[in-house]
Structure formats: structure tokens, C-alpha cells
Amino acid sequence: MSYEPLALPDRVQLSDEDAITQSKALFDYMCKRHSVREYDTTPVPQEVIENIIATAGRAPSGANQQPWHFAAICDPDMKARIRAAAEEEERAFYSGGASDEWIAALEPIGTGVSKPHLTDAPWLIVVFAERYGINADGSRRKNYYVPESVGIAVGFLIAAIHNAGLVCLEHTPNPMKFLNELCDRPSNEKPIMILPVGHPTRDATIPKSAKKKKDLNQIMTVF
């Protein structure tokens, strides 16, 4: 496929004044985003999840290879299997698999072995990274900038979840290779994240430490 230029199909540029207003409005809204562990079991329409994942699929990627796949799961049995496997890994983690330094870093977050959010949330979205592509003849195709590309797509995904008035939690399975078989995904894909998605319970809480964000002058340098 050769390069063929296409006139910019969409223009969303704003005046400086409107750009300042709109960027501040988005910042204020994103300040209301929280990672939540307590989920109401109220269903979420599949169309909402489809729109959210479609938004994630609009993320830029290395060589436009789009090395990602999103498995959306609402089946109770599948969610129960994922929770059981996740809690088994967590037991190994907290019983000696993790260093004291790692456990200490997690203490203010309040994490533990029990993962009820994996069954309470109406949806789980499993994010797969395509480590390499497979051509029509079965040969391998190198994918470029896979971690960076998938990371950007996950950022889009989380923002889209928040934009839909929902909450999520970023759970990183390690290892959870059974997700490939459970979700019918090929071996060239690696599960990198599970996000429970839904509405928070009325008495949902977050760790107080999660509200402590670095100041702008700590994360930004202007030259």
C-alpha cells in the first residue's frame, strides 16, 4: 500500500479564547475521574460499551497498525472465572511473590486479594496487545511501538468510559494467559489489562491518597 495524501477531512480548531475555555472544562471534568472498586450491578447497555471501545479504536498507533483488541464481557460465568484466576494470582502475590517495597507502595491504595469488582461490575473489558501481526499466508509481521500504541488506546478508553458517566478500575493481570483461550484470542496477543466498567455503588469509596496528584510544575517543563 503506497502513500496517498488525503486532504484533512475534519477541522476542529478553536480561537485561543475558546481553546482555553474548552481545555479548562475538560481538565475540570477529568478531575472528577476516579478508579473505583465498588460497583453497582445495574446493567449498562451494550451500545454504550461499543461506543466506548470504538472511541479507543480511534487512537493513533505506530505505522497505523492498531495492535489492539478489546474483549467486552458481561457473561456472569466468564466474569466468575476471571475473578477466581485473578484472586489466585493475588494470593501468590501477597503471600511472598511481591517485595516488601512493592507491598508498602500499595498499602495507601488499600488493595488486597479479594476482587469483587470483577463479578459485580456489569462489564469487563479485557485489553489485548498484538505482539506481532500475522499475514494472510500465516507468516509473521512485525508490529511497531506496540506498548506505546496500546497505552494511548487505553487512555482513550478510560477517557471514553468517564465521558459516558461510568467508572472503571485498571487491573493488570500477571500472568493470566488463560484469557486468550477464554476470549478466543490468538497466541500473538497478550492480555495486558482488565477494566471492570459500570456505575459506582452509593457508598463507594476511593483511597484518600488517590487524590494526591503532582502539581503542574512537577510534570511540565516549558522551554
C-alpha atoms as a PDB file:
ATOM      1  CA  MET A   1       0.000   0.000   0.000  1.00  0.00           C
ATOM      2  CA  SER A   2       1.657   3.236  -1.156  1.00  0.00           C
ATOM      3  CA  TYR A   3       1.379   6.696   0.351  1.00  0.00           C
ATOM      4  CA  GLU A   4      -1.589   8.694  -0.894  1.00  0.00           C
ATOM      5  CA  PRO A   5      -2.265  12.102   0.676  1.00  0.00           C
ATOM      6  CA  LEU A   6      -5.802  12.953   1.719  1.00  0.00           C
ATOM      7  CA  ALA A   7      -6.978  16.469   2.430  1.00  0.00           C
ATOM      8  CA  LEU A   8      -7.594  16.978   6.157  1.00  0.00           C
ATOM      9  CA  PRO A   9     -11.209  15.758   6.408  1.00  0.00           C
ATOM     10  CA  ASP A  10     -12.110  17.377   9.726  1.00  0.00           C
ATOM     11  CA  ARG A  11     -11.154  20.660  11.324  1.00  0.00           C
ATOM     12  CA  VAL A  12     -11.910  21.288  14.981  1.00  0.00           C
ATOM     13  CA  GLN A  13      -9.615  24.250  15.613  1.00  0.00           C
ATOM     14  CA  LEU A  14     -10.813  26.939  18.037  1.00  0.00           C
ATOM     15  CA  SER A  15      -9.947  30.523  18.781  1.00  0.00           C
ATOM     16  CA  ASP A  16      -7.400  30.986  21.560  1.00  0.00           C
ATOM     17  CA  GLU A  17     -10.140  32.110  23.922  1.00  0.00           C
ATOM     18  CA  ASP A  18     -12.379  29.134  23.161  1.00  0.00           C
ATOM     19  CA  ALA A  19      -9.411  26.758  23.342  1.00  0.00           C
ATOM     20  CA  ILE A  20      -8.573  27.987  26.837  1.00  0.00           C
ATOM     21  CA  THR A  21     -12.198  27.640  27.941  1.00  0.00           C
ATOM     22  CA  GLN A  22     -12.659  24.182  26.441  1.00  0.00           C
ATOM     23  CA  SER A  23      -9.323  22.801  27.655  1.00  0.00           C
ATOM     24  CA  LYS A  24     -10.060  24.016  31.192  1.00  0.00           C
ATOM     25  CA  ALA A  25     -13.539  22.458  31.052  1.00  0.00           C
ATOM     26  CA  LEU A  26     -12.067  19.096  30.077  1.00  0.00           C
ATOM     27  CA  PHE A  27      -9.466  19.361  32.823  1.00  0.00           C
ATOM     28  CA  ASP A  28     -12.172  20.094  35.390  1.00  0.00           C
ATOM     29  CA  TYR A  29     -14.211  17.121  34.179  1.00  0.00           C
ATOM     30  CA  MET A  30     -11.242  14.741  34.174  1.00  0.00           C
ATOM     31  CA  CYS A  31     -10.507  15.793  37.756  1.00  0.00           C
ATOM     32  CA  LYS A  32     -13.757  14.000  38.589  1.00  0.00           C
ATOM     33  CA  ARG A  33     -12.455  10.699  37.187  1.00  0.00           C
ATOM     34  CA  HIS A  34     -11.739   8.111  39.875  1.00  0.00           C
ATOM     35  CA  SER A  35     -10.667   4.488  39.878  1.00  0.00           C
ATOM     36  CA  VAL A  36     -13.457   2.670  41.716  1.00  0.00           C
ATOM     37  CA  ARG A  37     -13.579  -0.789  43.330  1.00  0.00           C
ATOM     38  CA  GLU A  38     -17.223  -0.915  44.462  1.00  0.00           C
ATOM     39  CA  TYR A  39     -19.722  -1.455  41.642  1.00  0.00           C
ATOM     40  CA  ASP A  40     -23.480  -1.376  41.435  1.00  0.00           C
ATOM     41  CA  THR A  41     -24.838  -4.323  39.472  1.00  0.00           C
ATOM     42  CA  THR A  42     -27.145  -2.095  37.387  1.00  0.00           C
ATOM     43  CA  PRO A  43     -26.774  -3.131  33.718  1.00  0.00           C
ATOM     44  CA  VAL A  44     -25.073  -0.868  31.177  1.00  0.00           C
ATOM     45  CA  PRO A  45     -26.387  -1.023  27.586  1.00  0.00           C
ATOM     46  CA  GLN A  46     -24.078  -2.848  25.190  1.00  0.00           C
ATOM     47  CA  GLU A  47     -24.297   0.090  22.781  1.00  0.00           C
ATOM     48  CA  VAL A  48     -22.550   2.275  25.361  1.00  0.00           C
ATOM     49  CA  ILE A  49     -19.685  -0.216  25.616  1.00  0.00           C
ATOM     50  CA  GLU A  50     -19.491  -0.451  21.823  1.00  0.00           C
ATOM     51  CA  ASN A  51     -19.211   3.335  21.534  1.00  0.00           C
ATOM     52  CA  ILE A  52     -16.524   3.420  24.206  1.00  0.00           C
ATOM     53  CA  ILE A  53     -14.424   0.739  22.510  1.00  0.00           C
ATOM     54  CA  ALA A  54     -14.950   2.338  19.093  1.00  0.00           C
ATOM     55  CA  THR A  55     -13.537   5.540  20.586  1.00  0.00           C
ATOM     56  CA  ALA A  56     -10.474   3.669  21.866  1.00  0.00           C
ATOM     57  CA  GLY A  57     -10.035   2.282  18.364  1.00  0.00           C
ATOM     58  CA  ARG A  58      -9.559   5.810  17.040  1.00  0.00           C
ATOM     59  CA  ALA A  59      -6.268   6.163  18.901  1.00  0.00           C
ATOM     60  CA  PRO A  60      -3.108   6.771  16.864  1.00  0.00           C
ATOM     61  CA  SER A  61      -0.670   3.861  16.557  1.00  0.00           C
ATOM     62  CA  GLY A  62       2.751   3.061  15.177  1.00  0.00           C
ATOM     63  CA  ALA A  63       2.503   2.713  11.373  1.00  0.00           C
ATOM     64  CA  ASN A  64      -1.293   2.727  11.885  1.00  0.00           C
ATOM     65  CA  GLN A  65      -1.124  -0.984  12.715  1.00  0.00           C
ATOM     66  CA  GLN A  66      -3.678  -0.669  15.541  1.00  0.00           C
ATOM     67  CA  PRO A  67      -2.165  -3.564  17.548  1.00  0.00           C
ATOM     68  CA  TRP A  68      -5.034  -3.991  19.999  1.00  0.00           C
ATOM     69  CA  HIS A  69      -8.184  -5.936  20.658  1.00  0.00           C
ATOM     70  CA  PHE A  70     -10.873  -5.343  23.277  1.00  0.00           C
ATOM     71  CA  ALA A  71     -12.949  -8.224  24.639  1.00  0.00           C
ATOM     72  CA  ALA A  72     -16.159  -6.978  26.277  1.00  0.00           C
ATOM     73  CA  ILE A  73     -17.569  -9.466  28.758  1.00  0.00           C
ATOM     74  CA  CYS A  74     -20.943  -9.385  30.519  1.00  0.00           C
ATOM     75  CA  ASP A  75     -21.413 -13.162  30.857  1.00  0.00           C
ATOM     76  CA  PRO A  76     -21.531 -13.975  34.620  1.00  0.00           C
ATOM     77  CA  ASP A  77     -19.728 -17.306  34.247  1.00  0.00           C
ATOM     78  CA  MET A  78     -16.842 -15.755  32.337  1.00  0.00           C
ATOM     79  CA  LYS A  79     -16.553 -12.977  34.903  1.00  0.00           C
ATOM     80  CA  ALA A  80     -16.526 -15.532  37.720  1.00  0.00           C
ATOM     81  CA  ARG A  81     -13.704 -17.481  36.054  1.00  0.00           C
ATOM     82  CA  ILE A  82     -11.668 -14.315  35.624  1.00  0.00           C
ATOM     83  CA  ARG A  83     -12.201 -13.336  39.253  1.00  0.00           C
ATOM     84  CA  ALA A  84     -11.189 -16.776  40.521  1.00  0.00           C
ATOM     85  CA  ALA A  85      -7.979 -16.730  38.470  1.00  0.00           C
ATOM     86  CA  ALA A  86      -7.186 -13.141  39.453  1.00  0.00           C
ATOM     87  CA  GLU A  87      -7.636 -13.872  43.153  1.00  0.00           C
ATOM     88  CA  GLU A  88      -5.406 -16.936  42.874  1.00  0.00           C
ATOM     89  CA  GLU A  89      -2.651 -14.756  41.424  1.00  0.00           C
ATOM     90  CA  GLU A  90      -3.232 -12.122  44.108  1.00  0.00           C
ATOM     91  CA  ARG A  91      -2.856 -14.712  46.885  1.00  0.00           C
ATOM     92  CA  ALA A  92       0.531 -15.678  45.473  1.00  0.00           C
ATOM     93  CA  PHE A  93       1.460 -12.004  45.149  1.00  0.00           C
ATOM     94  CA  TYR A  94       0.590 -11.037  48.716  1.00  0.00           C
ATOM     95  CA  SER A  95       1.979 -14.224  50.275  1.00  0.00           C
ATOM     96  CA  GLY A  96       5.531 -13.648  49.118  1.00  0.00           C
ATOM     97  CA  GLY A  97       5.514 -13.032  45.394  1.00  0.00           C
ATOM     98  CA  ALA A  98       5.966  -9.289  45.816  1.00  0.00           C
ATOM     99  CA  SER A  99       8.782  -7.400  47.519  1.00  0.00           C
ATOM    100  CA  ASP A 100       8.216  -5.570  50.803  1.00  0.00           C
ATOM    101  CA  GLU A 101       8.788  -2.291  48.943  1.00  0.00           C
ATOM    102  CA  TRP A 102       6.006  -3.113  46.464  1.00  0.00           C
ATOM    103  CA  ILE A 103       3.580  -4.097  49.217  1.00  0.00           C
ATOM    104  CA  ALA A 104       4.380  -0.879  51.082  1.00  0.00           C
ATOM    105  CA  ALA A 105       3.717   1.196  47.963  1.00  0.00           C
ATOM    106  CA  LEU A 106       0.288  -0.434  47.597  1.00  0.00           C
ATOM    107  CA  GLU A 107      -0.723  -0.004  51.244  1.00  0.00           C
ATOM    108  CA  PRO A 108      -2.201   3.526  50.849  1.00  0.00           C
ATOM    109  CA  ILE A 109      -4.304   2.247  47.934  1.00  0.00           C
ATOM    110  CA  GLY A 110      -5.958  -0.414  50.071  1.00  0.00           C
ATOM    111  CA  THR A 111      -5.681  -3.279  47.588  1.00  0.00           C
ATOM    112  CA  GLY A 112      -5.941  -6.911  48.619  1.00  0.00           C
ATOM    113  CA  VAL A 113      -6.647 -10.448  47.461  1.00  0.00           C
ATOM    114  CA  SER A 114     -10.428 -10.091  47.127  1.00  0.00           C
ATOM    115  CA  LYS A 115     -11.594  -8.758  43.737  1.00  0.00           C
ATOM    116  CA  PRO A 116     -15.417  -8.495  43.930  1.00  0.00           C
ATOM    117  CA  HIS A 117     -15.414  -5.775  41.288  1.00  0.00           C
ATOM    118  CA  LEU A 118     -14.596  -8.424  38.679  1.00  0.00           C
ATOM    119  CA  THR A 119     -18.010 -10.009  39.168  1.00  0.00           C
ATOM    120  CA  ASP A 120     -20.070  -7.059  40.441  1.00  0.00           C
ATOM    121  CA  ALA A 121     -19.354  -4.728  37.521  1.00  0.00           C
ATOM    122  CA  PRO A 122     -21.793  -5.324  34.638  1.00  0.00           C
ATOM    123  CA  TRP A 123     -18.960  -5.346  32.111  1.00  0.00           C
ATOM    124  CA  LEU A 124     -15.309  -6.325  31.967  1.00  0.00           C
ATOM    125  CA  ILE A 125     -13.165  -5.044  29.126  1.00  0.00           C
ATOM    126  CA  VAL A 126     -10.036  -7.116  28.554  1.00  0.00           C
ATOM    127  CA  VAL A 127      -7.372  -5.282  26.558  1.00  0.00           C
ATOM    128  CA  PHE A 128      -5.099  -7.400  24.374  1.00  0.00           C
ATOM    129  CA  ALA A 129      -1.873  -6.194  22.768  1.00  0.00           C
ATOM    130  CA  GLU A 130      -0.990  -7.735  19.410  1.00  0.00           C
ATOM    131  CA  ARG A 131       2.703  -8.507  19.863  1.00  0.00           C
ATOM    132  CA  TYR A 132       3.136  -9.264  16.155  1.00  0.00           C
ATOM    133  CA  GLY A 133       0.803  -9.452  13.188  1.00  0.00           C
ATOM    134  CA  ILE A 134       0.004 -12.495  11.100  1.00  0.00           C
ATOM    135  CA  ASN A 135      -0.170 -12.178   7.326  1.00  0.00           C
ATOM    136  CA  ALA A 136      -2.710 -13.958   5.137  1.00  0.00           C
ATOM    137  CA  ASP A 137      -0.139 -16.670   4.333  1.00  0.00           C
ATOM    138  CA  GLY A 138       0.499 -17.335   8.028  1.00  0.00           C
ATOM    139  CA  SER A 139       3.852 -15.558   8.200  1.00  0.00           C
ATOM    140  CA  ARG A 140       4.650 -13.092  10.970  1.00  0.00           C
ATOM    141  CA  ARG A 141       4.554  -9.340  10.507  1.00  0.00           C
ATOM    142  CA  LYS A 142       6.451  -7.064  12.861  1.00  0.00           C
ATOM    143  CA  ASN A 143       4.340  -4.537  14.737  1.00  0.00           C
ATOM    144  CA  TYR A 144       5.949  -1.272  15.753  1.00  0.00           C
ATOM    145  CA  TYR A 145       5.613   0.648  19.015  1.00  0.00           C
ATOM    146  CA  VAL A 146       3.115  -1.824  20.443  1.00  0.00           C
ATOM    147  CA  PRO A 147       3.315  -0.797  24.150  1.00  0.00           C
ATOM    148  CA  GLU A 148       3.114   2.885  23.252  1.00  0.00           C
ATOM    149  CA  SER A 149       0.219   2.386  20.833  1.00  0.00           C
ATOM    150  CA  VAL A 150      -1.831   0.225  23.186  1.00  0.00           C
ATOM    151  CA  GLY A 151      -1.105   2.610  26.052  1.00  0.00           C
ATOM    152  CA  ILE A 152      -2.555   5.502  24.042  1.00  0.00           C
ATOM    153  CA  ALA A 153      -5.628   3.413  23.156  1.00  0.00           C
ATOM    154  CA  VAL A 154      -6.185   2.562  26.821  1.00  0.00           C
ATOM    155  CA  GLY A 155      -6.009   6.267  27.625  1.00  0.00           C
ATOM    156  CA  PHE A 156      -8.707   6.904  25.040  1.00  0.00           C
ATOM    157  CA  LEU A 157     -10.707   4.014  26.520  1.00  0.00           C
ATOM    158  CA  ILE A 158     -10.585   5.322  30.087  1.00  0.00           C
ATOM    159  CA  ALA A 159     -11.483   8.850  28.986  1.00  0.00           C
ATOM    160  CA  ALA A 160     -14.426   7.489  26.972  1.00  0.00           C
ATOM    161  CA  ILE A 161     -15.633   5.473  29.974  1.00  0.00           C
ATOM    162  CA  HIS A 162     -15.573   8.600  32.132  1.00  0.00           C
ATOM    163  CA  ASN A 163     -17.248  10.630  29.398  1.00  0.00           C
ATOM    164  CA  ALA A 164     -20.133   8.117  29.424  1.00  0.00           C
ATOM    165  CA  GLY A 165     -20.687   8.738  33.127  1.00  0.00           C
ATOM    166  CA  LEU A 166     -19.220   5.388  34.146  1.00  0.00           C
ATOM    167  CA  VAL A 167     -16.281   4.323  36.284  1.00  0.00           C
ATOM    168  CA  CYS A 168     -13.579   1.723  35.821  1.00  0.00           C
ATOM    169  CA  LEU A 169     -10.567   0.208  37.549  1.00  0.00           C
ATOM    170  CA  GLU A 170      -7.265  -0.626  35.901  1.00  0.00           C
ATOM    171  CA  HIS A 171      -6.420  -4.235  36.816  1.00  0.00           C
ATOM    172  CA  THR A 172      -3.212  -5.600  35.302  1.00  0.00           C
ATOM    173  CA  PRO A 173      -3.215  -9.405  35.055  1.00  0.00           C
ATOM    174  CA  ASN A 174       0.171 -11.038  35.528  1.00  0.00           C
ATOM    175  CA  PRO A 175       0.125 -13.736  34.421  1.00  0.00           C
ATOM    176  CA  MET A 176      -3.335 -14.559  33.112  1.00  0.00           C
ATOM    177  CA  LYS A 177      -2.664 -16.372  29.862  1.00  0.00           C
ATOM    178  CA  PHE A 178      -5.934 -18.269  30.189  1.00  0.00           C
ATOM    179  CA  LEU A 179      -7.651 -15.084  28.995  1.00  0.00           C
ATOM    180  CA  ASN A 180      -6.552 -15.894  25.435  1.00  0.00           C
ATOM    181  CA  GLU A 181      -8.465 -19.169  25.474  1.00  0.00           C
ATOM    182  CA  LEU A 182     -11.417 -17.749  27.398  1.00  0.00           C
ATOM    183  CA  CYS A 183     -11.788 -14.822  24.985  1.00  0.00           C
ATOM    184  CA  ASP A 184     -10.858 -16.857  21.899  1.00  0.00           C
ATOM    185  CA  ARG A 185      -7.845 -14.698  21.105  1.00  0.00           C
ATOM    186  CA  PRO A 186      -4.745 -15.946  19.207  1.00  0.00           C
ATOM    187  CA  SER A 187      -1.365 -16.582  20.832  1.00  0.00           C
ATOM    188  CA  ASN A 188       0.195 -13.493  19.239  1.00  0.00           C
ATOM    189  CA  GLU A 189      -1.955 -11.352  21.508  1.00  0.00           C
ATOM    190  CA  LYS A 190      -1.121 -10.696  25.155  1.00  0.00           C
ATOM    191  CA  PRO A 191      -3.726  -9.655  27.756  1.00  0.00           C
ATOM    192  CA  ILE A 192      -2.429  -6.528  29.451  1.00  0.00           C
ATOM    193  CA  MET A 193      -5.362  -5.090  31.363  1.00  0.00           C
ATOM    194  CA  ILE A 194      -8.832  -5.863  32.673  1.00  0.00           C
ATOM    195  CA  LEU A 195     -11.165  -2.958  33.289  1.00  0.00           C
ATOM    196  CA  PRO A 196     -14.409  -3.518  35.207  1.00  0.00           C
ATOM    197  CA  VAL A 197     -16.864  -0.925  33.902  1.00  0.00           C
ATOM    198  CA  GLY A 198     -20.138   0.242  35.400  1.00  0.00           C
ATOM    199  CA  HIS A 199     -21.736   2.530  37.973  1.00  0.00           C
ATOM    200  CA  PRO A 200     -20.312   3.024  41.474  1.00  0.00           C
ATOM    201  CA  THR A 201     -22.333   1.903  44.484  1.00  0.00           C
ATOM    202  CA  ARG A 202     -23.975   4.613  46.597  1.00  0.00           C
ATOM    203  CA  ASP A 203     -21.376   4.070  49.332  1.00  0.00           C
ATOM    204  CA  ALA A 204     -18.362   3.661  47.015  1.00  0.00           C
ATOM    205  CA  THR A 205     -15.059   4.950  48.338  1.00  0.00           C
ATOM    206  CA  ILE A 206     -11.638   5.752  46.931  1.00  0.00           C
ATOM    207  CA  PRO A 207      -8.273   5.856  48.706  1.00  0.00           C
ATOM    208  CA  LYS A 208      -7.557   9.302  50.135  1.00  0.00           C
ATOM    209  CA  SER A 209      -4.055   9.044  48.674  1.00  0.00           C
ATOM    210  CA  ALA A 210      -5.523   8.802  45.161  1.00  0.00           C
ATOM    211  CA  LYS A 211      -6.493  12.476  45.348  1.00  0.00           C
ATOM    212  CA  LYS A 212      -2.864  13.486  45.704  1.00  0.00           C
ATOM    213  CA  LYS A 213      -1.748  14.414  42.202  1.00  0.00           C
ATOM    214  CA  LYS A 214       1.523  16.063  41.269  1.00  0.00           C
ATOM    215  CA  ASP A 215       1.377  19.796  40.653  1.00  0.00           C
ATOM    216  CA  LEU A 216       1.729  21.039  37.096  1.00  0.00           C
ATOM    217  CA  ASN A 217       5.225  22.359  37.786  1.00  0.00           C
ATOM    218  CA  GLN A 218       6.269  18.827  38.732  1.00  0.00           C
ATOM    219  CA  ILE A 219       5.110  17.234  35.491  1.00  0.00           C
ATOM    220  CA  MET A 220       5.713  20.029  32.991  1.00  0.00           C
ATOM    221  CA  THR A 221       8.789  21.904  31.815  1.00  0.00           C
ATOM    222  CA  VAL A 222       8.454  24.813  29.392  1.00  0.00           C
ATOM    223  CA  PHE A 223      11.395  25.789  27.180  1.00  0.00           C
END
